[in-house]
Amino acid sequence: GRSATVAKETAIQSVPDGWIKDTDAVKALVDALGVVIGRMRERIEVTDAPDPVTQDILISLTADLEKHAWMFQAESA
């Protein structure tokens, strides 16, 4: 879809314009990763029977996203 449509329909919160504190930037990133990880997990479930190869790819991608989310969460703790 078009970027405006995707941006309007996304569950990821927008980041305010201009400069933001580093802690707020990290929180925004962690929150966004959480949303994406949740959606990836949904897709992992629905691809189980019809397409296990796709499911395996999604599992691998989700593991990487979870690793990065954990690293950023640890940074802000």
Protein backbone atom coordinates (compact mmCIF):
# COMPACT_ATOMS: atom_id res chain seq x y z
CA GLY A 1 0.00 0.00 0.00
CA ARG A 2 0.87 3.63 -0.04
CA SER A 3 2.90 5.00 2.83
CA ALA A 4 0.11 7.33 3.96
CA THR A 5 -2.34 4.42 4.12
CA VAL A 6 0.13 2.23 5.98
CA ALA A 7 0.93 5.03 8.43
CA LYS A 8 -2.76 5.69 9.04
CA GLU A 9 -3.59 2.03 9.68
CA THR A 10 -0.56 1.02 11.76
CA ALA A 11 -0.74 0.09 15.43
CA ILE A 12 2.71 1.61 15.96
CA GLN A 13 2.54 4.96 17.71
CA SER A 14 3.99 7.92 15.85
CA VAL A 15 7.00 9.75 17.22
CA PRO A 16 6.62 13.48 17.82
CA ASP A 17 8.32 15.87 15.42
CA GLY A 18 11.54 17.52 16.46
CA TRP A 19 14.09 16.54 19.05
CA ILE A 20 13.15 14.07 21.75
CA LYS A 21 15.09 12.83 24.75
CA ASP A 22 17.17 9.73 24.21
CA THR A 23 15.17 7.84 26.82
CA ASP A 24 11.95 8.71 24.98
CA ALA A 25 13.48 7.57 21.70
CA VAL A 26 14.49 4.23 23.21
CA LYS A 27 11.01 3.79 24.71
CA ALA A 28 9.39 4.56 21.34
CA LEU A 29 11.62 2.00 19.66
CA VAL A 30 10.92 -0.67 22.27
CA ASP A 31 7.18 -0.01 22.01
CA ALA A 32 7.30 -0.22 18.21
CA LEU A 33 9.28 -3.45 18.34
CA GLY A 34 6.71 -4.86 20.76
CA VAL A 35 3.89 -4.15 18.32
CA VAL A 36 5.79 -5.70 15.41
CA ILE A 37 6.75 -8.76 17.48
CA GLY A 38 3.12 -9.27 18.47
CA ARG A 39 1.99 -9.15 14.86
CA MET A 40 4.78 -11.50 13.80
CA ARG A 41 3.69 -14.03 16.44
CA GLU A 42 0.16 -13.92 15.03
CA ARG A 43 1.52 -14.67 11.58
CA ILE A 44 3.68 -17.49 12.92
CA GLU A 45 0.54 -19.16 14.28
CA VAL A 46 -1.46 -18.90 11.06
CA THR A 47 1.36 -20.16 8.83
CA ASP A 48 1.88 -23.35 10.84
CA ALA A 49 -0.10 -25.76 8.67
CA PRO A 50 -0.31 -24.08 5.27
CA ASP A 51 3.30 -22.92 4.92
CA PRO A 52 5.90 -24.23 7.38
CA VAL A 53 8.79 -22.75 5.37
CA THR A 54 7.34 -19.26 5.72
CA GLN A 55 6.67 -19.98 9.37
CA ASP A 56 10.33 -20.87 9.88
CA ILE A 57 11.42 -17.60 8.27
CA LEU A 58 9.00 -15.65 10.46
CA ILE A 59 10.28 -17.43 13.57
CA SER A 60 13.85 -16.49 12.71
CA LEU A 61 12.95 -12.86 12.01
CA THR A 62 10.92 -12.64 15.21
CA ALA A 63 13.80 -14.03 17.24
CA ASP A 64 16.04 -11.26 15.92
CA LEU A 65 13.42 -8.61 16.69
CA GLU A 66 13.00 -10.01 20.21
CA LYS A 67 16.76 -9.90 20.72
CA HIS A 68 16.92 -6.25 19.71
CA ALA A 69 13.89 -5.38 21.83
CA TRP A 70 15.52 -7.04 24.83
CA MET A 71 18.78 -5.18 24.24
CA PHE A 72 17.03 -1.81 24.07
CA GLN A 73 14.90 -2.61 27.12
CA ALA A 74 18.05 -3.50 29.04
CA GLU A 75 19.57 -0.18 27.99
CA SER A 76 16.67 1.76 29.46
CA ALA A 77 16.42 -0.24 32.69
